[in-house]
Amino acid sequence: MVRTGLLSLLLALALSPPAHATSMKHQNLADLIGLSELIVTGTVVSVTDGFQKGVPYTEITVSIDEAIRGPLGHRYTFRQFGLLAPRTLPDGRVYVGVTPQGLPRYAVGDDVLLFLYKKASLTGLQTTVGLYQGAFKKKGNLYENGVQNLGLMSGMALNSTLLTPAEQKLMKKQKGPVQADVLLDFVRKAVRERWVETGRLSHVR
């Protein structure tokens, strides 16, 4: 099997900048909002994979319902590091550079809320803030990320007078699915009113 000695280097290049994208450091909602270049909701309509200048990628296309941050069109396509599954190369060898642990995996039909870093300058690849912490999937009217929203609302400072009663209740939740409409309203206001940029919403730890 081809394990390529450059795999670790390629992963680092694929996930940067920023450099902290490669870590699994805990990110709360203030971090997700503050570090994202794009924040979108929509439905995954295509998931493919391949190689770009020798770097394995998975390409995800989302039909956009709402661009909370970022002037996007009806669809947005981005590529993250790694293949969907091991692949047999033309010479018969097997390439095993699949999506690393920690990066979100997508399927056609997923209803998602994504907080996306800007694209990496060297590879053009892109991932969600905090890796799978910044990728939420919707079931019914509930959003949950790859760590069951653990700590999503912890370690933040925000004047409660800015919040509706439902949003104040959301701020107290430490784990588990959250009401999609409440989370979206919170994020919309935070982006529109620049809560992170003005220090009204901050990470206090």
Foldseek 3Di string as FASTA:
>chain_A
DDPDPCLVVLQQLQQDVVNCSSDLPDDAQLRLLVQFQWKFWFFWADWAWDADVNFTKIKTKGQTPDTLHDDDDRMDIFIGGAHCAWDQDPVRDIRGRHDDPQADDDDGGWTWIARKHQARPPRRHIGGRSHQLRIWTDDDQWTATPVQCAQRLPQKAADCVVADPLLVVVNPDGGHIDGNVSVVVVSSCCSVVVCSVVVNIDRRD
